[in-house]
Protein backbone atom coordinates (compact mmCIF):
# COMPACT_ATOMS: atom_id res chain seq x y z
CA MET A 1 -64.75 66.15 -65.67
CA LYS A 2 -66.62 69.18 -67.00
CA HIS A 3 -66.71 68.28 -70.71
CA LEU A 4 -65.66 65.42 -73.00
CA LEU A 5 -64.67 67.00 -76.29
CA THR A 6 -61.59 65.16 -77.56
CA THR A 7 -59.24 62.29 -76.81
CA GLN A 8 -56.22 64.45 -77.61
CA GLY A 9 -54.90 65.61 -74.26
CA LEU A 10 -57.00 63.14 -72.25
CA SER A 11 -54.73 61.84 -69.49
CA LYS A 12 -54.00 58.14 -69.09
CA ASP A 13 -55.56 58.17 -65.61
CA ASP A 14 -58.76 59.77 -66.90
CA ALA A 15 -58.93 57.34 -69.82
CA ILE A 16 -58.55 54.33 -67.53
CA LEU A 17 -61.13 55.79 -65.12
CA LEU A 18 -63.60 56.06 -68.01
CA LEU A 19 -62.88 52.48 -69.09
CA ASP A 20 -63.15 51.10 -65.54
CA THR A 21 -66.41 53.00 -64.98
CA SER A 22 -67.68 51.63 -68.29
CA ALA A 23 -66.95 48.10 -67.06
CA GLN A 24 -69.02 48.77 -63.94
CA MET A 25 -71.85 50.16 -66.05
CA ALA A 26 -71.69 47.16 -68.40
CA ALA A 27 -72.02 44.81 -65.43
CA THR A 28 -75.33 46.43 -64.48
CA GLN A 29 -76.75 45.86 -67.96
CA SER A 30 -76.96 42.09 -67.56
CA ARG A 31 -79.51 42.48 -64.78
CA GLU A 32 -83.26 42.24 -65.26
CA ASN A 33 -83.69 45.85 -64.14
CA LYS A 34 -81.11 47.81 -66.11
CA LYS A 35 -82.01 51.27 -64.80
CA LEU A 36 -79.93 53.12 -62.21
CA PRO A 37 -81.17 56.12 -60.17
CA THR A 38 -77.90 58.02 -60.60
CA LEU A 39 -79.05 60.95 -62.79
CA ARG A 40 -82.65 61.19 -61.65
CA GLY A 41 -83.81 64.80 -62.04
CA ARG A 42 -81.06 65.71 -64.51
CA THR A 43 -81.82 66.74 -68.10
CA VAL A 44 -79.72 65.54 -71.03
CA VAL A 45 -80.24 67.12 -74.46
CA ASN A 46 -79.19 65.26 -77.62
CA LEU A 47 -78.40 68.08 -80.06
CA PHE A 48 -77.84 66.48 -83.46
CA TYR A 49 -77.14 68.60 -86.54
CA GLU A 50 -76.13 65.53 -88.57
CA ASP A 51 -77.98 62.32 -89.34
CA SER A 52 -77.25 59.53 -86.88
CA THR A 53 -78.78 56.24 -85.81
CA ARG A 54 -76.33 54.34 -83.60
CA THR A 55 -74.80 57.27 -81.73
CA ARG A 56 -78.05 59.12 -81.06
CA ILE A 57 -79.90 55.99 -79.89
CA SER A 58 -76.87 54.93 -77.84
CA PHE A 59 -76.70 58.26 -75.99
CA GLU A 60 -80.46 58.28 -75.48
CA THR A 61 -80.39 54.74 -74.10
CA ALA A 62 -77.44 55.55 -71.84
CA ALA A 63 -79.13 58.62 -70.36
CA LYS A 64 -82.43 56.78 -69.80
CA ARG A 65 -80.65 53.84 -68.17
CA LEU A 66 -79.26 56.39 -65.68
CA SER A 67 -82.81 57.75 -65.10
CA ALA A 68 -82.10 61.14 -66.69
CA ASP A 69 -84.78 63.11 -68.54
CA VAL A 70 -83.88 63.11 -72.24
CA ILE A 71 -84.74 65.71 -74.89
CA ASN A 72 -83.92 64.82 -78.50
CA PHE A 73 -83.24 67.75 -80.83
CA SER A 74 -82.82 67.28 -84.57
CA ALA A 75 -81.83 70.15 -86.84
CA LYS A 76 -84.32 68.96 -89.46
CA GLY A 77 -87.75 70.34 -88.70
CA SER A 78 -86.42 72.74 -86.05
CA SER A 79 -85.73 76.47 -85.97
CA VAL A 80 -82.26 75.70 -87.34
CA SER A 81 -83.90 75.15 -90.73
CA LYS A 82 -85.24 78.69 -90.38
CA GLY A 83 -81.76 80.11 -89.82
CA GLU A 84 -81.30 79.89 -86.03
CA SER A 85 -77.63 79.98 -85.04
CA LEU A 86 -75.80 77.56 -82.76
CA LYS A 87 -75.51 80.37 -80.21
CA ASP A 88 -79.26 81.01 -80.08
CA THR A 89 -80.00 77.30 -79.83
CA ALA A 90 -77.51 77.06 -76.95
CA LEU A 91 -79.08 80.03 -75.16
CA THR A 92 -82.48 78.37 -75.52
CA LEU A 93 -81.18 75.13 -73.98
CA HIS A 94 -79.59 77.13 -71.15
CA ALA A 95 -82.90 78.85 -70.47
CA MET A 96 -84.59 75.45 -70.30
CA GLY A 97 -82.12 74.21 -67.69
CA ALA A 98 -80.18 71.54 -69.61
CA ASP A 99 -77.60 69.80 -67.41
CA ALA A 100 -75.71 68.13 -70.25
CA VAL A 101 -75.70 68.60 -74.02
CA VAL A 102 -74.62 65.82 -76.38
CA VAL A 103 -73.78 67.52 -79.68
CA ARG A 104 -73.08 66.22 -83.18
CA HIS A 105 -72.25 68.82 -85.80
CA SER A 106 -70.85 68.89 -89.32
CA ALA A 107 -68.40 71.67 -88.42
CA SER A 108 -65.12 70.74 -86.76
CA GLY A 109 -64.77 72.63 -83.49
CA ALA A 110 -68.51 73.12 -82.91
CA ALA A 111 -68.47 71.13 -79.65
CA HIS A 112 -65.51 73.13 -78.32
CA GLN A 113 -67.27 76.41 -79.15
CA LEU A 114 -70.45 75.24 -77.46
CA ALA A 115 -68.51 74.28 -74.33
CA HIS A 116 -66.35 77.39 -74.02
CA ALA A 117 -68.28 80.29 -75.56
CA GLY A 118 -70.19 81.00 -72.33
CA TRP A 119 -73.59 80.37 -73.87
CA LEU A 120 -74.62 77.67 -71.38
CA ASP A 121 -73.48 76.13 -68.10
CA ALA A 122 -74.14 72.52 -69.07
CA GLY A 123 -71.49 69.88 -69.59
CA VAL A 124 -70.85 69.15 -73.26
CA LEU A 125 -70.22 65.72 -74.77
CA ASN A 126 -68.88 65.66 -78.31
CA ALA A 127 -70.75 63.04 -80.36
CA GLY A 128 -68.78 63.89 -83.48
CA ASP A 129 -67.75 67.25 -84.97
CA GLY A 130 -66.98 67.24 -88.67
CA MET A 131 -63.79 65.33 -89.45
CA HIS A 132 -62.28 66.25 -86.09
CA GLN A 133 -63.14 64.08 -83.07
CA HIS A 134 -65.56 61.42 -81.78
CA PRO A 135 -64.26 60.63 -78.27
CA THR A 136 -66.93 58.19 -77.07
CA GLN A 137 -66.45 56.06 -80.19
CA ALA A 138 -62.73 55.82 -79.44
CA LEU A 139 -63.49 54.98 -75.80
CA LEU A 140 -65.89 52.17 -76.73
CA ASP A 141 -63.32 50.84 -79.19
CA ALA A 142 -60.62 50.89 -76.49
CA PHE A 143 -63.04 49.28 -74.03
CA THR A 144 -63.79 46.50 -76.51
CA ILE A 145 -60.09 45.96 -77.24
CA ARG A 146 -59.26 45.83 -73.54
CA ARG A 147 -62.03 43.33 -72.75
CA HIS A 148 -60.91 40.91 -75.44
CA LEU A 149 -57.15 41.32 -75.57
CA VAL A 150 -56.39 42.14 -71.92
CA GLY A 151 -59.44 40.91 -70.00
CA ASN A 152 -59.66 37.64 -71.96
CA VAL A 153 -63.47 37.50 -72.10
CA GLY A 154 -63.40 34.99 -74.96
CA GLU A 155 -64.80 35.12 -78.49
CA ASP A 156 -68.40 35.34 -77.30
CA GLY A 157 -67.56 38.21 -74.92
CA ARG A 158 -69.31 36.50 -72.01
CA GLY A 159 -66.28 35.61 -69.91
CA THR A 160 -65.21 37.50 -66.79
CA ASP A 161 -63.42 40.74 -67.64
CA THR A 162 -60.20 40.90 -65.61
CA SER A 163 -58.85 44.10 -67.19
CA ALA A 164 -59.81 46.64 -64.48
CA GLY A 165 -57.10 49.26 -64.10
CA ALA A 166 -55.16 47.98 -67.12
CA ASP A 167 -53.95 49.91 -70.14
CA LEU A 168 -53.25 48.61 -73.66
CA SER A 169 -49.46 48.45 -73.50
CA GLY A 170 -47.88 46.12 -76.03
CA LEU A 171 -50.94 45.79 -78.27
CA ARG A 172 -50.80 46.57 -81.99
CA ILE A 173 -53.86 48.03 -83.70
CA ALA A 174 -54.18 48.65 -87.45
CA ILE A 175 -56.73 51.27 -88.53
CA VAL A 176 -57.58 50.78 -92.20
CA GLY A 177 -59.46 52.82 -94.77
CA ASP A 178 -60.72 56.37 -95.21
CA VAL A 179 -58.51 58.08 -92.63
CA LEU A 180 -58.79 61.46 -94.34
CA HIS A 181 -62.48 61.95 -93.53
CA SER A 182 -62.55 59.94 -90.29
CA ARG A 183 -63.02 61.53 -86.87
CA VAL A 184 -62.99 57.96 -85.52
CA ALA A 185 -59.42 57.44 -86.76
CA ARG A 186 -58.21 60.70 -85.23
CA SER A 187 -59.83 59.98 -81.87
CA ASN A 188 -58.53 56.41 -81.77
CA VAL A 189 -54.95 57.28 -82.68
CA TYR A 190 -54.59 59.62 -79.71
CA LEU A 191 -56.50 57.50 -77.19
CA LEU A 192 -54.81 54.21 -78.09
CA HIS A 193 -51.41 55.90 -77.97
CA THR A 194 -52.22 57.34 -74.54
CA LEU A 195 -53.14 53.85 -73.33
CA GLY A 196 -49.84 52.43 -74.59
CA ALA A 197 -50.88 50.69 -77.82
CA GLU A 198 -48.98 50.93 -81.10
CA VAL A 199 -51.10 52.18 -84.01
CA THR A 200 -50.59 51.88 -87.75
CA LEU A 201 -52.82 53.70 -90.22
CA VAL A 202 -53.32 51.91 -93.54
CA ALA A 203 -54.85 53.78 -96.48
CA PRO A 204 -54.24 54.84 -100.06
CA PRO A 205 -52.16 58.07 -100.23
CA THR A 206 -55.23 60.02 -101.38
CA LEU A 207 -57.05 59.14 -98.13
CA VAL A 208 -54.26 60.10 -95.74
CA PRO A 209 -54.58 63.63 -94.27
CA VAL A 210 -51.93 66.31 -94.59
CA GLY A 211 -49.89 66.54 -91.39
CA VAL A 212 -50.39 62.90 -90.39
CA GLU A 213 -46.65 62.68 -89.69
CA THR A 214 -47.29 64.64 -86.48
CA TRP A 215 -49.74 62.00 -85.18
CA PRO A 216 -48.43 59.38 -82.73
CA CYS A 217 -48.65 56.47 -85.19
CA ARG A 218 -47.10 54.76 -88.20
CA VAL A 219 -48.52 55.07 -91.72
CA SER A 220 -48.59 52.33 -94.36
CA TYR A 221 -49.98 52.25 -97.88
CA HIS A 222 -49.97 48.44 -98.11
CA LEU A 223 -52.56 46.40 -96.20
CA ASP A 224 -51.23 42.91 -96.97
CA GLU A 225 -47.70 43.88 -95.98
CA THR A 226 -48.92 45.36 -92.69
CA LEU A 227 -51.01 42.32 -91.79
CA GLU A 228 -48.32 39.80 -92.67
CA GLN A 229 -45.25 41.55 -91.27
CA TRP A 230 -46.64 43.62 -88.38
CA GLN A 231 -49.19 41.03 -87.17
CA PRO A 232 -51.68 43.37 -85.45
CA ASP A 233 -53.76 42.25 -82.47
CA GLY A 234 -56.76 44.12 -83.80
CA VAL A 235 -57.87 45.49 -87.17
CA MET A 236 -60.29 48.42 -87.24
CA MET A 237 -61.90 49.00 -90.60
CA LEU A 238 -63.19 52.48 -91.45
CA ARG A 239 -66.20 53.30 -93.55
CA VAL A 240 -65.56 54.92 -96.94
CA GLN A 241 -67.35 58.24 -96.40
CA ARG A 242 -68.59 59.03 -99.87
CA GLU A 243 -70.84 61.81 -98.56
CA ARG A 244 -67.75 63.81 -97.51
CA MET A 245 -65.90 63.27 -100.80
CA SER A 246 -66.23 66.35 -103.00
CA GLY A 247 -66.29 65.15 -106.57
CA GLY A 248 -67.36 61.66 -105.50
CA SER A 249 -65.29 58.64 -104.53
CA GLY A 250 -63.73 58.59 -108.01
CA SER A 251 -61.65 61.58 -106.95
CA PHE A 252 -59.90 59.44 -104.32
CA PHE A 253 -59.61 55.93 -105.81
CA PRO A 254 -60.15 54.47 -109.31
CA SER A 255 -63.18 52.31 -108.51
CA PRO A 256 -64.91 50.56 -105.60
CA MET A 257 -63.63 47.22 -106.94
CA GLU A 258 -60.04 48.47 -106.95
CA TYR A 259 -60.38 49.88 -103.44
CA SER A 260 -61.85 46.63 -102.13
CA ARG A 261 -59.10 44.59 -103.77
CA LYS A 262 -56.30 46.62 -102.17
CA PHE A 263 -57.81 47.81 -98.89
CA GLY A 264 -60.91 45.69 -98.23
CA PHE A 265 -60.84 43.20 -95.37
CA ASP A 266 -61.99 39.69 -96.23
CA ALA A 267 -61.64 36.09 -95.05
CA ARG A 268 -58.29 35.70 -96.79
CA ARG A 269 -56.78 38.63 -94.92
CA LEU A 270 -58.43 37.52 -91.68
CA ALA A 271 -56.61 34.19 -91.96
CA VAL A 272 -53.26 36.02 -91.91
CA LEU A 273 -53.87 37.50 -88.44
CA PRO A 274 -52.86 35.90 -85.13
CA GLU A 275 -55.54 33.59 -83.72
CA HIS A 276 -56.40 36.01 -80.89
CA ALA A 277 -56.82 39.04 -83.17
CA ILE A 278 -60.18 40.81 -83.38
CA VAL A 279 -61.97 42.65 -86.21
CA MET A 280 -63.70 45.98 -85.58
CA HIS A 281 -65.76 48.57 -87.46
CA PRO A 282 -67.43 51.74 -86.07
CA GLY A 283 -70.44 51.32 -88.36
CA PRO A 284 -72.37 51.71 -90.48
CA MET A 285 -70.57 49.24 -92.76
CA ASN A 286 -70.34 49.23 -96.53
CA ARG A 287 -70.39 45.44 -96.89
CA GLY A 288 -68.46 44.36 -99.94
CA LEU A 289 -66.44 47.58 -100.06
CA GLU A 290 -64.23 48.03 -96.98
CA ILE A 291 -65.24 44.72 -95.38
CA SER A 292 -66.70 41.48 -96.70
CA ALA A 293 -69.74 39.80 -95.20
CA ALA A 294 -67.60 36.80 -94.25
CA ALA A 295 -65.22 38.97 -92.22
CA ALA A 296 -67.97 41.12 -90.68
CA ASP A 297 -69.92 38.08 -89.48
CA HIS A 298 -66.91 35.99 -88.41
CA PRO A 299 -66.73 34.83 -84.75
CA ARG A 300 -63.64 37.02 -84.29
CA SER A 301 -65.61 40.08 -85.35
CA VAL A 302 -66.68 42.23 -82.37
CA ILE A 303 -68.67 44.76 -84.39
CA VAL A 304 -72.04 44.03 -82.77
CA GLU A 305 -70.43 43.99 -79.31
CA GLN A 306 -69.03 47.47 -80.01
CA VAL A 307 -72.62 48.74 -80.24
CA ALA A 308 -73.52 47.20 -76.86
CA ASN A 309 -70.33 48.53 -75.29
CA GLY A 310 -71.18 51.99 -76.61
CA VAL A 311 -74.14 52.22 -74.22
CA ALA A 312 -71.96 51.34 -71.21
CA VAL A 313 -69.23 53.81 -72.23
CA ARG A 314 -71.74 56.63 -72.72
CA MET A 315 -73.36 55.80 -69.39
CA ALA A 316 -69.91 56.16 -67.82
CA ALA A 317 -69.23 59.46 -69.59
CA LEU A 318 -72.58 60.94 -68.53
CA TYR A 319 -72.12 59.63 -64.99
CA LEU A 320 -68.65 61.17 -64.58
CA LEU A 321 -69.77 64.39 -66.28
CA LEU A 322 -72.85 64.95 -64.14
CA ALA A 323 -72.16 63.05 -60.91
CA GLY A 324 -68.52 64.04 -60.98
CA THR A 325 -67.14 61.10 -59.02
CA ASP A 326 -65.57 57.71 -59.51
CA PRO A 327 -68.30 55.17 -58.67
CA GLY A 328 -65.79 53.50 -56.37
CA SER A 329 -65.42 56.66 -54.27
CA GLU A 330 -67.92 58.57 -52.16
CA THR A 331 -71.37 58.35 -53.71
CA SER A 332 -74.86 58.36 -52.40
CA THR A 333 -76.28 55.21 -50.81
CA ASP A 334 -78.69 54.72 -53.71
CA GLU A 335 -75.87 55.01 -56.26
CA ARG A 336 -73.63 52.57 -54.36
CA ASN A 337 -76.43 50.05 -54.06
CA ALA A 338 -77.30 50.43 -57.76
CA LEU A 339 -73.73 49.89 -58.94
């Protein structure tokens, strides 16, 4: 794997390899010494043009757990604020010998351009580009779904995960909320479909993108009807992205109260789901808008676990990007002993 830019076109075998490698990485994180020597001597650059807390810290933690040298780059306070282009920044990173670049950018397609323009030789990991893709978020969501609904780890997530090598065939996942502005929704639709799950998008018509009929999923404008009649195994709530709404949220729905009444997830709607169903959210949450505190903090909510799983998934992505092998195949003695 040279780059990880999108889930669209990712093969089922590669997706399962990433999930299985993530499970192996997660197993190492329960040890007293969480660090592995795998990427010692490699340099990973976190190139973030947008504000981020969870994703940036998650990638930084993942790289450090693999013993890589990490350089954090923020557009604020850098030469970008003076007018430096993405190309010149990339050439600078190339000159400094970066082995991998994790990039988040407000422009859709920025990660693809960085990977294929010939400006640097490093592997590129897309940490979110505009409203386009966020592949590691979709992978950690799929990993969390597989652990709970296939691996049967239990509500506390501490049971033995028996899902190695498995896909998500037969599972039903509802993705609810601001689909229009969500790179998480786009990434999840394609990845979950590849892994065999059925996906339904639920949103008001104003928050459904043009061309959604070409996506491998169903679309519904009625949350209660979907929950009651379709009985999903997992519900993934999406954040209302007011910062991407030109004209403010009032241009897309009458009021926050109206949105919450029709599309917010609360304890009443949670009670409609099958007993094994899980509740997810990519974060950060708007409590009281798209999800209530009671639903977010419920035992069937796996939102905090998603954050922990994100580190393992990003460790797996960096490992496969830079080491280039399945940890179950030929690796160095140190790497085999560590894993």
